[in-house]
C-alpha atoms as a PDB file:
ATOM      1  CA  UNK A   1     -25.159  28.581   6.938  1.00  0.00           C
ATOM      2  CA  UNK A   2     -26.596  31.141   4.749  1.00  0.00           C
ATOM      3  CA  UNK A   3     -25.084  32.960   1.759  1.00  0.00           C
ATOM      4  CA  UNK A   4     -26.043  36.265   1.296  1.00  0.00           C
ATOM      5  CA  UNK A   5     -29.516  35.615  -0.666  1.00  0.00           C
ATOM      6  CA  UNK A   6     -30.582  33.635   2.242  1.00  0.00           C
ATOM      7  CA  UNK A   7     -29.825  30.026   0.095  1.00  0.00           C
ATOM      8  CA  UNK A   8     -28.039  27.612   2.256  1.00  0.00           C
ATOM      9  CA  UNK A   9     -24.700  27.088   1.449  1.00  0.00           C
ATOM     10  CA  UNK A  10     -23.529  22.914   0.275  1.00  0.00           C
ATOM     11  CA  UNK A  11     -20.280  22.212   1.175  1.00  0.00           C
ATOM     12  CA  UNK A  12     -18.743  19.999  -1.541  1.00  0.00           C
ATOM     13  CA  UNK A  13     -17.047  16.163  -0.590  1.00  0.00           C
ATOM     14  CA  UNK A  14     -13.750  17.922  -0.426  1.00  0.00           C
ATOM     15  CA  UNK A  15     -14.751  20.896   1.193  1.00  0.00           C
ATOM     16  CA  UNK A  16     -15.821  18.340   3.964  1.00  0.00           C
ATOM     17  CA  UNK A  17     -13.163  16.242   3.362  1.00  0.00           C
ATOM     18  CA  UNK A  18     -10.856  19.153   4.589  1.00  0.00           C
ATOM     19  CA  UNK A  19     -12.830  20.224   7.432  1.00  0.00           C
ATOM     20  CA  UNK A  20     -12.306  16.602   8.998  1.00  0.00           C
ATOM     21  CA  UNK A  21      -8.916  16.600   8.316  1.00  0.00           C
ATOM     22  CA  UNK A  22      -8.299  20.181   9.681  1.00  0.00           C
ATOM     23  CA  UNK A  23     -10.332  18.811  12.818  1.00  0.00           C
ATOM     24  CA  UNK A  24      -8.952  15.501  13.531  1.00  0.00           C
ATOM     25  CA  UNK A  25     -12.194  14.334  13.255  1.00  0.00           C
ATOM     26  CA  UNK A  26     -11.534  10.619  12.018  1.00  0.00           C
ATOM     27  CA  UNK A  27     -14.815   9.831  12.739  1.00  0.00           C
ATOM     28  CA  UNK A  28     -16.479  12.488  10.224  1.00  0.00           C
ATOM     29  CA  UNK A  29     -13.544  11.248   7.368  1.00  0.00           C
ATOM     30  CA  UNK A  30     -14.688   7.963   7.939  1.00  0.00           C
ATOM     31  CA  UNK A  31     -18.302   8.313   7.543  1.00  0.00           C
ATOM     32  CA  UNK A  32     -17.232  11.293   4.428  1.00  0.00           C
ATOM     33  CA  UNK A  33     -15.429   8.717   2.843  1.00  0.00           C
ATOM     34  CA  UNK A  34     -18.029   6.358   3.001  1.00  0.00           C
ATOM     35  CA  UNK A  35     -20.475   8.126   1.317  1.00  0.00           C
ATOM     36  CA  UNK A  36     -18.224   8.873  -1.283  1.00  0.00           C
ATOM     37  CA  UNK A  37     -17.800   4.989  -1.466  1.00  0.00           C
ATOM     38  CA  UNK A  38     -21.378   4.494  -1.717  1.00  0.00           C
ATOM     39  CA  UNK A  39     -22.160   7.503  -4.322  1.00  0.00           C
ATOM     40  CA  UNK A  40     -19.017   5.945  -6.521  1.00  0.00           C
ATOM     41  CA  UNK A  41     -20.679   2.408  -6.257  1.00  0.00           C
ATOM     42  CA  UNK A  42     -24.382   3.799  -7.654  1.00  0.00           C
ATOM     43  CA  UNK A  43     -23.064   5.478 -10.075  1.00  0.00           C
ATOM     44  CA  UNK A  44     -21.377   2.030 -11.325  1.00  0.00           C
ATOM     45  CA  UNK A  45     -17.282   3.543 -10.885  1.00  0.00           C
ATOM     46  CA  UNK A  46     -16.332   0.155  -8.859  1.00  0.00           C
ATOM     47  CA  UNK A  47     -12.575   1.395  -8.678  1.00  0.00           C
ATOM     48  CA  UNK A  48     -13.382   4.686  -6.859  1.00  0.00           C
ATOM     49  CA  UNK A  49     -15.930   3.162  -5.083  1.00  0.00           C
ATOM     50  CA  UNK A  50     -12.855   0.638  -4.026  1.00  0.00           C
ATOM     51  CA  UNK A  51     -10.426   3.448  -3.261  1.00  0.00           C
ATOM     52  CA  UNK A  52     -13.542   5.460  -0.692  1.00  0.00           C
ATOM     53  CA  UNK A  53     -14.784   2.336   1.063  1.00  0.00           C
ATOM     54  CA  UNK A  54     -11.498   1.135   2.186  1.00  0.00           C
ATOM     55  CA  UNK A  55     -10.244   3.929   2.900  1.00  0.00           C
ATOM     56  CA  UNK A  56     -13.551   4.363   5.084  1.00  0.00           C
ATOM     57  CA  UNK A  57     -12.736   0.956   6.723  1.00  0.00           C
ATOM     58  CA  UNK A  58      -8.835   1.377   7.319  1.00  0.00           C
ATOM     59  CA  UNK A  59      -9.803   4.464   9.423  1.00  0.00           C
ATOM     60  CA  UNK A  60     -12.842   3.101  11.488  1.00  0.00           C
ATOM     61  CA  UNK A  61     -10.981  -0.301  11.800  1.00  0.00           C
ATOM     62  CA  UNK A  62      -7.740   1.187  12.969  1.00  0.00           C
ATOM     63  CA  UNK A  63      -9.213   3.309  16.683  1.00  0.00           C
ATOM     64  CA  UNK A  64     -11.663   1.858  18.666  1.00  0.00           C
ATOM     65  CA  UNK A  65     -13.360   5.490  19.469  1.00  0.00           C
ATOM     66  CA  UNK A  66     -13.480   6.706  15.876  1.00  0.00           C
ATOM     67  CA  UNK A  67     -15.658   2.867  15.171  1.00  0.00           C
ATOM     68  CA  UNK A  68     -18.097   3.070  18.290  1.00  0.00           C
ATOM     69  CA  UNK A  69     -18.495   6.540  16.539  1.00  0.00           C
ATOM     70  CA  UNK A  70     -19.342   5.868  13.245  1.00  0.00           C
ATOM     71  CA  UNK A  71     -21.725   3.002  14.402  1.00  0.00           C
ATOM     72  CA  UNK A  72     -22.414  -0.562  13.177  1.00  0.00           C
ATOM     73  CA  UNK A  73     -25.182   0.185  10.974  1.00  0.00           C
ATOM     74  CA  UNK A  74     -22.308   2.185   8.345  1.00  0.00           C
ATOM     75  CA  UNK A  75     -19.523  -0.730   9.345  1.00  0.00           C
ATOM     76  CA  UNK A  76     -22.273  -3.362   8.311  1.00  0.00           C
ATOM     77  CA  UNK A  77     -22.911  -2.606   5.222  1.00  0.00           C
ATOM     78  CA  UNK A  78     -19.346  -0.993   4.514  1.00  0.00           C
ATOM     79  CA  UNK A  79     -17.729  -3.918   4.492  1.00  0.00           C
ATOM     80  CA  UNK A  80     -20.864  -5.837   2.844  1.00  0.00           C
ATOM     81  CA  UNK A  81     -19.913  -3.585  -0.241  1.00  0.00           C
ATOM     82  CA  UNK A  82     -16.310  -3.867  -0.141  1.00  0.00           C
ATOM     83  CA  UNK A  83     -17.123  -8.168  -0.483  1.00  0.00           C
ATOM     84  CA  UNK A  84     -19.476  -7.217  -3.168  1.00  0.00           C
ATOM     85  CA  UNK A  85     -16.405  -5.302  -4.606  1.00  0.00           C
ATOM     86  CA  UNK A  86     -13.683  -8.566  -4.002  1.00  0.00           C
ATOM     87  CA  UNK A  87     -16.280 -10.577  -6.569  1.00  0.00           C
ATOM     88  CA  UNK A  88     -15.529  -8.428  -9.458  1.00  0.00           C
ATOM     89  CA  UNK A  89     -12.937 -10.559 -10.808  1.00  0.00           C
ATOM     90  CA  UNK A  90     -12.346  -8.219 -13.577  1.00  0.00           C
ATOM     91  CA  UNK A  91     -11.705  -5.049 -11.588  1.00  0.00           C
ATOM     92  CA  UNK A  92      -7.885  -3.872 -11.387  1.00  0.00           C
ATOM     93  CA  UNK A  93      -7.530  -4.144  -8.184  1.00  0.00           C
ATOM     94  CA  UNK A  94      -8.698  -7.699  -8.022  1.00  0.00           C
ATOM     95  CA  UNK A  95      -7.295  -9.070 -11.032  1.00  0.00           C
ATOM     96  CA  UNK A  96      -3.363  -7.509 -10.649  1.00  0.00           C
ATOM     97  CA  UNK A  97      -3.209  -9.458  -7.284  1.00  0.00           C
ATOM     98  CA  UNK A  98      -5.150 -13.054  -8.407  1.00  0.00           C
ATOM     99  CA  UNK A  99      -2.898 -13.238 -11.711  1.00  0.00           C
ATOM    100  CA  UNK A 100       0.592 -12.424  -9.221  1.00  0.00           C
ATOM    101  CA  UNK A 101      -1.045 -15.475  -6.508  1.00  0.00           C
ATOM    102  CA  UNK A 102      -1.384 -17.440  -9.547  1.00  0.00           C
ATOM    103  CA  UNK A 103       2.606 -16.836 -10.892  1.00  0.00           C
ATOM    104  CA  UNK A 104       3.933 -17.705  -7.675  1.00  0.00           C
ATOM    105  CA  UNK A 105       2.706 -20.972  -7.422  1.00  0.00           C
ATOM    106  CA  UNK A 106       5.319 -21.872 -10.215  1.00  0.00           C
ATOM    107  CA  UNK A 107       7.875 -20.357  -8.024  1.00  0.00           C
ATOM    108  CA  UNK A 108      10.368 -21.795  -5.025  1.00  0.00           C
ATOM    109  CA  UNK A 109      10.756 -19.495  -2.035  1.00  0.00           C
ATOM    110  CA  UNK A 110      13.661 -17.839  -2.331  1.00  0.00           C
ATOM    111  CA  UNK A 111      12.290 -16.833  -6.154  1.00  0.00           C
ATOM    112  CA  UNK A 112       8.996 -15.207  -4.163  1.00  0.00           C
ATOM    113  CA  UNK A 113      10.299 -12.961  -1.853  1.00  0.00           C
ATOM    114  CA  UNK A 114      13.537 -11.779  -3.952  1.00  0.00           C
ATOM    115  CA  UNK A 115      10.335 -10.661  -6.577  1.00  0.00           C
ATOM    116  CA  UNK A 116       9.354  -8.833  -3.552  1.00  0.00           C
ATOM    117  CA  UNK A 117      12.269  -7.149  -2.539  1.00  0.00           C
ATOM    118  CA  UNK A 118      12.704  -6.086  -6.169  1.00  0.00           C
ATOM    119  CA  UNK A 119       9.629  -4.823  -5.895  1.00  0.00           C
ATOM    120  CA  UNK A 120       9.896  -3.001  -2.684  1.00  0.00           C
ATOM    121  CA  UNK A 121      13.487  -1.709  -3.939  1.00  0.00           C
ATOM    122  CA  UNK A 122      10.885   0.879  -5.977  1.00  0.00           C
ATOM    123  CA  UNK A 123       9.308   2.158  -2.852  1.00  0.00           C
ATOM    124  CA  UNK A 124      12.567   3.053  -1.247  1.00  0.00           C
ATOM    125  CA  UNK A 125      12.574   6.998  -3.140  1.00  0.00           C
ATOM    126  CA  UNK A 126       9.059   7.657  -2.859  1.00  0.00           C
ATOM    127  CA  UNK A 127       9.184   6.148   0.913  1.00  0.00           C
ATOM    128  CA  UNK A 128      12.378   8.671   1.400  1.00  0.00           C
ATOM    129  CA  UNK A 129       9.926  11.932   0.585  1.00  0.00           C
ATOM    130  CA  UNK A 130       7.137  10.844   2.639  1.00  0.00           C
ATOM    131  CA  UNK A 131       9.491   9.574   5.927  1.00  0.00           C
ATOM    132  CA  UNK A 132       9.927  13.731   5.800  1.00  0.00           C
ATOM    133  CA  UNK A 133       6.322  14.009   7.078  1.00  0.00           C
ATOM    134  CA  UNK A 134       5.514  14.058  10.600  1.00  0.00           C
ATOM    135  CA  UNK A 135       4.950  10.170  11.432  1.00  0.00           C
ATOM    136  CA  UNK A 136       6.072   8.680   8.534  1.00  0.00           C
ATOM    137  CA  UNK A 137       9.791   8.517   9.657  1.00  0.00           C
ATOM    138  CA  UNK A 138       9.889   4.547   9.308  1.00  0.00           C
ATOM    139  CA  UNK A 139       9.351   4.838   5.270  1.00  0.00           C
ATOM    140  CA  UNK A 140      13.165   6.108   5.232  1.00  0.00           C
ATOM    141  CA  UNK A 141      14.369   2.912   6.177  1.00  0.00           C
ATOM    142  CA  UNK A 142      12.911   0.658   3.336  1.00  0.00           C
ATOM    143  CA  UNK A 143      16.385   1.021   1.266  1.00  0.00           C
ATOM    144  CA  UNK A 144      18.298  -0.432   4.671  1.00  0.00           C
ATOM    145  CA  UNK A 145      15.829  -3.162   5.060  1.00  0.00           C
ATOM    146  CA  UNK A 146      15.377  -4.027   1.425  1.00  0.00           C
ATOM    147  CA  UNK A 147      19.934  -4.282   1.621  1.00  0.00           C
ATOM    148  CA  UNK A 148      19.588  -6.415   4.999  1.00  0.00           C
ATOM    149  CA  UNK A 149      17.156  -8.922   3.499  1.00  0.00           C
ATOM    150  CA  UNK A 150      18.785  -9.499   0.662  1.00  0.00           C
ATOM    151  CA  UNK A 151      21.947 -10.443   2.591  1.00  0.00           C
ATOM    152  CA  UNK A 152      20.112 -12.317   5.055  1.00  0.00           C
ATOM    153  CA  UNK A 153      18.462 -15.004   2.513  1.00  0.00           C
ATOM    154  CA  UNK A 154      22.258 -15.749   1.777  1.00  0.00           C
ATOM    155  CA  UNK A 155      23.836 -15.945   6.145  1.00  0.00           C
ATOM    156  CA  UNK A 156      22.682 -15.557   8.994  1.00  0.00           C
ATOM    157  CA  UNK A 157      22.599 -11.527   9.911  1.00  0.00           C
ATOM    158  CA  UNK A 158      23.866  -9.940  13.335  1.00  0.00           C
ATOM    159  CA  UNK A 159      21.850  -9.607  16.270  1.00  0.00           C
ATOM    160  CA  UNK A 160      21.089  -6.164  15.896  1.00  0.00           C
ATOM    161  CA  UNK A 161      20.307  -6.127  12.307  1.00  0.00           C
ATOM    162  CA  UNK A 162      17.639  -8.811  12.737  1.00  0.00           C
ATOM    163  CA  UNK A 163      16.346  -6.484  15.683  1.00  0.00           C
ATOM    164  CA  UNK A 164      16.129  -3.074  13.741  1.00  0.00           C
ATOM    165  CA  UNK A 165      14.306  -5.005  10.914  1.00  0.00           C
ATOM    166  CA  UNK A 166      11.714  -6.049  13.216  1.00  0.00           C
ATOM    167  CA  UNK A 167      11.591  -2.478  14.704  1.00  0.00           C
ATOM    168  CA  UNK A 168      10.909  -1.250  11.067  1.00  0.00           C
ATOM    169  CA  UNK A 169       8.571  -4.100  10.817  1.00  0.00           C
ATOM    170  CA  UNK A 170       6.607  -2.860  13.626  1.00  0.00           C
ATOM    171  CA  UNK A 171       6.619   0.887  12.546  1.00  0.00           C
ATOM    172  CA  UNK A 172       5.270   0.255   9.690  1.00  0.00           C
ATOM    173  CA  UNK A 173       2.196  -1.464  11.218  1.00  0.00           C
ATOM    174  CA  UNK A 174       1.532   1.638  13.647  1.00  0.00           C
ATOM    175  CA  UNK A 175       1.755   3.743  10.267  1.00  0.00           C
ATOM    176  CA  UNK A 176      -1.633   3.339  10.163  1.00  0.00           C
ATOM    177  CA  UNK A 177      -4.155   5.445  12.347  1.00  0.00           C
ATOM    178  CA  UNK A 178      -1.439   8.099  12.499  1.00  0.00           C
ATOM    179  CA  UNK A 179      -2.285  11.985  11.536  1.00  0.00           C
ATOM    180  CA  UNK A 180       0.196  12.356   8.705  1.00  0.00           C
ATOM    181  CA  UNK A 181      -1.201   8.828   7.323  1.00  0.00           C
ATOM    182  CA  UNK A 182      -4.819  10.655   6.999  1.00  0.00           C
ATOM    183  CA  UNK A 183      -3.504  13.886   6.151  1.00  0.00           C
ATOM    184  CA  UNK A 184      -0.348  13.671   4.442  1.00  0.00           C
ATOM    185  CA  UNK A 185       0.875  14.839   1.455  1.00  0.00           C
ATOM    186  CA  UNK A 186       4.162  15.760  -1.172  1.00  0.00           C
ATOM    187  CA  UNK A 187       4.252  17.092  -4.053  1.00  0.00           C
ATOM    188  CA  UNK A 188       4.747  14.861  -7.655  1.00  0.00           C
ATOM    189  CA  UNK A 189       6.884  17.308 -10.193  1.00  0.00           C
ATOM    190  CA  UNK A 190       4.395  17.241 -13.400  1.00  0.00           C
ATOM    191  CA  UNK A 191       1.280  15.811 -11.543  1.00  0.00           C
ATOM    192  CA  UNK A 192      -1.161  16.474  -8.562  1.00  0.00           C
ATOM    193  CA  UNK A 193      -0.202  15.694  -4.948  1.00  0.00           C
ATOM    194  CA  UNK A 194       0.349  12.183  -3.890  1.00  0.00           C
ATOM    195  CA  UNK A 195      -1.184  11.214  -0.437  1.00  0.00           C
ATOM    196  CA  UNK A 196       0.703   8.939   2.053  1.00  0.00           C
ATOM    197  CA  UNK A 197      -3.347   7.654   2.258  1.00  0.00           C
ATOM    198  CA  UNK A 198      -2.520   6.429  -1.567  1.00  0.00           C
ATOM    199  CA  UNK A 199      -0.850   4.049   0.283  1.00  0.00           C
ATOM    200  CA  UNK A 200      -4.042   1.922   1.388  1.00  0.00           C
ATOM    201  CA  UNK A 201      -4.491   0.246  -2.090  1.00  0.00           C
ATOM    202  CA  UNK A 202      -4.280  -2.926  -2.557  1.00  0.00           C
ATOM    203  CA  UNK A 203      -4.563  -4.212   0.794  1.00  0.00           C
ATOM    204  CA  UNK A 204      -2.550  -1.061   2.107  1.00  0.00           C
ATOM    205  CA  UNK A 205       1.204  -0.782   1.534  1.00  0.00           C
ATOM    206  CA  UNK A 206       1.586  -0.078   5.339  1.00  0.00           C
ATOM    207  CA  UNK A 207       0.553  -3.338   6.078  1.00  0.00           C
ATOM    208  CA  UNK A 208       1.615  -5.448   2.858  1.00  0.00           C
ATOM    209  CA  UNK A 209       5.164  -4.706   3.912  1.00  0.00           C
ATOM    210  CA  UNK A 210       4.827  -5.445   7.764  1.00  0.00           C
ATOM    211  CA  UNK A 211       3.496  -9.198   6.060  1.00  0.00           C
ATOM    212  CA  UNK A 212       6.341  -9.413   3.717  1.00  0.00           C
ATOM    213  CA  UNK A 213       8.939  -8.129   6.452  1.00  0.00           C
ATOM    214  CA  UNK A 214       7.203 -10.322   9.185  1.00  0.00           C
ATOM    215  CA  UNK A 215       7.455 -13.636   7.094  1.00  0.00           C
ATOM    216  CA  UNK A 216      11.362 -12.857   6.218  1.00  0.00           C
ATOM    217  CA  UNK A 217      11.826 -12.370  10.304  1.00  0.00           C
ATOM    218  CA  UNK A 218       9.963 -15.483  10.823  1.00  0.00           C
ATOM    219  CA  UNK A 219      12.078 -17.178   8.348  1.00  0.00           C
ATOM    220  CA  UNK A 220      15.454 -16.252   9.722  1.00  0.00           C
ATOM    221  CA  UNK A 221      14.598 -17.666  12.851  1.00  0.00           C
ATOM    222  CA  UNK A 222      13.224 -20.406  11.794  1.00  0.00           C
ATOM    223  CA  UNK A 223      16.406 -21.215  10.060  1.00  0.00           C
ATOM    224  CA  UNK A 224      18.347 -20.482  13.081  1.00  0.00           C
ATOM    225  CA  UNK A 225      16.383 -23.180  15.427  1.00  0.00           C
ATOM    226  CA  UNK A 226      16.972 -25.711  12.374  1.00  0.00           C
ATOM    227  CA  UNK A 227      13.413 -26.113  11.750  1.00  0.00           C
ATOM    228  CA  UNK A 228      12.662 -28.077   8.753  1.00  0.00           C
ATOM    229  CA  UNK A 229       9.053 -26.541   7.699  1.00  0.00           C
ATOM    230  CA  UNK A 230      10.006 -22.959   7.138  1.00  0.00           C
ATOM    231  CA  UNK A 231       7.560 -20.306   7.062  1.00  0.00           C
ATOM    232  CA  UNK A 232       5.995 -18.995   2.928  1.00  0.00           C
ATOM    233  CA  UNK A 233       6.856 -15.441   1.350  1.00  0.00           C
ATOM    234  CA  UNK A 234       4.498 -13.308   1.197  1.00  0.00           C
ATOM    235  CA  UNK A 235       3.824 -11.683  -2.186  1.00  0.00           C
ATOM    236  CA  UNK A 236       1.114  -8.771  -1.168  1.00  0.00           C
ATOM    237  CA  UNK A 237       3.883  -6.332  -1.584  1.00  0.00           C
ATOM    238  CA  UNK A 238       4.046  -7.091  -5.440  1.00  0.00           C
ATOM    239  CA  UNK A 239       0.966  -5.564  -6.452  1.00  0.00           C
ATOM    240  CA  UNK A 240       0.840  -2.476  -4.319  1.00  0.00           C
ATOM    241  CA  UNK A 241       3.527  -1.178  -5.914  1.00  0.00           C
ATOM    242  CA  UNK A 242       1.174   0.095  -8.919  1.00  0.00           C
ATOM    243  CA  UNK A 243      -0.279   2.596  -6.361  1.00  0.00           C
ATOM    244  CA  UNK A 244      -3.720   2.745  -8.123  1.00  0.00           C
ATOM    245  CA  UNK A 245      -5.514   4.670  -5.562  1.00  0.00           C
ATOM    246  CA  UNK A 246      -3.375   7.683  -6.858  1.00  0.00           C
ATOM    247  CA  UNK A 247      -4.422   7.458 -10.268  1.00  0.00           C
ATOM    248  CA  UNK A 248      -7.951   6.876  -9.299  1.00  0.00           C
ATOM    249  CA  UNK A 249      -8.042   9.817  -6.937  1.00  0.00           C
ATOM    250  CA  UNK A 250      -6.199  12.136  -8.939  1.00  0.00           C
ATOM    251  CA  UNK A 251      -8.972  10.855 -12.219  1.00  0.00           C
ATOM    252  CA  UNK A 252      -7.338   8.405 -13.767  1.00  0.00           C
ATOM    253  CA  UNK A 253      -9.939   6.502 -16.534  1.00  0.00           C
ATOM    254  CA  UNK A 254      -8.900   2.911 -16.892  1.00  0.00           C
ATOM    255  CA  UNK A 255      -5.702   2.166 -14.617  1.00  0.00           C
ATOM    256  CA  UNK A 256      -4.692  -0.124 -17.848  1.00  0.00           C
ATOM    257  CA  UNK A 257      -3.374   2.375 -20.267  1.00  0.00           C
ATOM    258  CA  UNK A 258      -1.990   5.445 -17.045  1.00  0.00           C
ATOM    259  CA  UNK A 259       1.822   5.249 -18.211  1.00  0.00           C
ATOM    260  CA  UNK A 260       3.468   4.604 -14.872  1.00  0.00           C
ATOM    261  CA  UNK A 261       1.280   1.441 -14.188  1.00  0.00           C
ATOM    262  CA  UNK A 262       1.656   0.029 -17.789  1.00  0.00           C
ATOM    263  CA  UNK A 263       5.695   0.536 -16.604  1.00  0.00           C
ATOM    264  CA  UNK A 264       5.244  -0.464 -13.311  1.00  0.00           C
ATOM    265  CA  UNK A 265       3.404  -3.888 -14.852  1.00  0.00           C
ATOM    266  CA  UNK A 266       5.932  -3.863 -17.661  1.00  0.00           C
ATOM    267  CA  UNK A 267       8.552  -4.348 -14.571  1.00  0.00           C
ATOM    268  CA  UNK A 268       6.191  -7.176 -12.917  1.00  0.00           C
ATOM    269  CA  UNK A 269       6.402  -8.870 -15.795  1.00  0.00           C
ATOM    270  CA  UNK A 270      10.381  -8.363 -16.005  1.00  0.00           C
ATOM    271  CA  UNK A 271      11.201  -9.431 -12.464  1.00  0.00           C
ATOM    272  CA  UNK A 272       9.071 -12.779 -13.033  1.00  0.00           C
ATOM    273  CA  UNK A 273      11.304 -13.027 -16.158  1.00  0.00           C
ATOM    274  CA  UNK A 274      14.538 -12.782 -13.761  1.00  0.00           C
ATOM    275  CA  UNK A 275      13.606 -14.682 -10.542  1.00  0.00           C
ATOM    276  CA  UNK A 276      12.695 -17.607 -13.280  1.00  0.00           C
ATOM    277  CA  UNK A 277      14.794 -17.272 -15.646  1.00  0.00           C
ATOM    278  CA  UNK A 278      18.142 -15.129 -14.685  1.00  0.00           C
ATOM    279  CA  UNK A 279      18.842 -15.003 -11.100  1.00  0.00           C
ATOM    280  CA  UNK A 280      22.090 -14.998  -9.256  1.00  0.00           C
ATOM    281  CA  UNK A 281      22.500 -12.993  -6.124  1.00  0.00           C
ATOM    282  CA  UNK A 282      24.772 -10.825  -7.937  1.00  0.00           C
ATOM    283  CA  UNK A 283      22.691 -10.003 -10.261  1.00  0.00           C
ATOM    284  CA  UNK A 284      19.752  -9.437  -7.388  1.00  0.00           C
ATOM    285  CA  UNK A 285      22.121  -7.279  -6.077  1.00  0.00           C
ATOM    286  CA  UNK A 286      22.161  -5.193  -8.992  1.00  0.00           C
ATOM    287  CA  UNK A 287      18.769  -5.096 -10.199  1.00  0.00           C
ATOM    288  CA  UNK A 288      17.367  -3.582  -6.448  1.00  0.00           C
ATOM    289  CA  UNK A 289      20.022  -1.228  -6.463  1.00  0.00           C
ATOM    290  CA  UNK A 290      18.610   0.191  -9.851  1.00  0.00           C
ATOM    291  CA  UNK A 291      14.935  -0.089  -8.558  1.00  0.00           C
ATOM    292  CA  UNK A 292      16.034   2.010  -5.112  1.00  0.00           C
ATOM    293  CA  UNK A 293      16.956   4.895  -7.489  1.00  0.00           C
ATOM    294  CA  UNK A 294      14.069   5.166  -9.202  1.00  0.00           C
ATOM    295  CA  UNK A 295      10.963   7.438  -9.035  1.00  0.00           C
ATOM    296  CA  UNK A 296       7.511   5.585  -9.739  1.00  0.00           C
ATOM    297  CA  UNK A 297       5.918   8.655 -10.175  1.00  0.00           C
ATOM    298  CA  UNK A 298       7.555   9.977 -12.877  1.00  0.00           C
ATOM    299  CA  UNK A 299       5.790  11.614 -16.290  1.00  0.00           C
END
């Protein structure tokens, strides 16, 4: 397209993203994210490279048709770049999960599981708001799921509750690939809109939630069958609650200096101390209830 003076108009990356979203051109969206990721990586902006390349990978990995359209050359290069980013130990996206993983080595499995539940509880309010978007309704079930999992650590759950938790687990896995996951957003008072796709950071909240709940379902099943070897609790969800993709996308510099991230890091540390020194079922329930009413995006 040419302007009034015959010069070719160039579209900004934001224009291209908006156009692909409007057309539901997921292959085009994946390619645009990839191009943004490559540019960021070549400029040394590793946080933004992480953001965009993982978005590209998430889209083409979720749909065979998209997978075929983007081509092996792009996918191979994208995967190679993501692999290079994973080797950057100082990168916030890598350093925080590594530290959490190291700390869980000193914990018993119930402590690990409750540490994870405390993090999930802080997603409840955000999940309720996101659940109003088409295709994202499952995120409104997080409050019930947290309460149910805490109780089922103390006594066997009813069969209908077990089945409902399984449905939540499956629904979270299926969230990726839906239109609302790639295009939905909500307003943030005093801040820029939050995109559902911002959940993609730290390997993806939807996938880490799915893994956490799946490990809990397997624990319940193992206990009911009297198995001696029990599945370990998943820990990935603990770091996901930092929501780094949102802050990188909206222009944050050093993630460690973002007030909301600093507050969340303090809560993660406080929760670790809680499960190691002051843990009881009653105190865990009170702490979870408090977190369920917390707005982690608040300025």
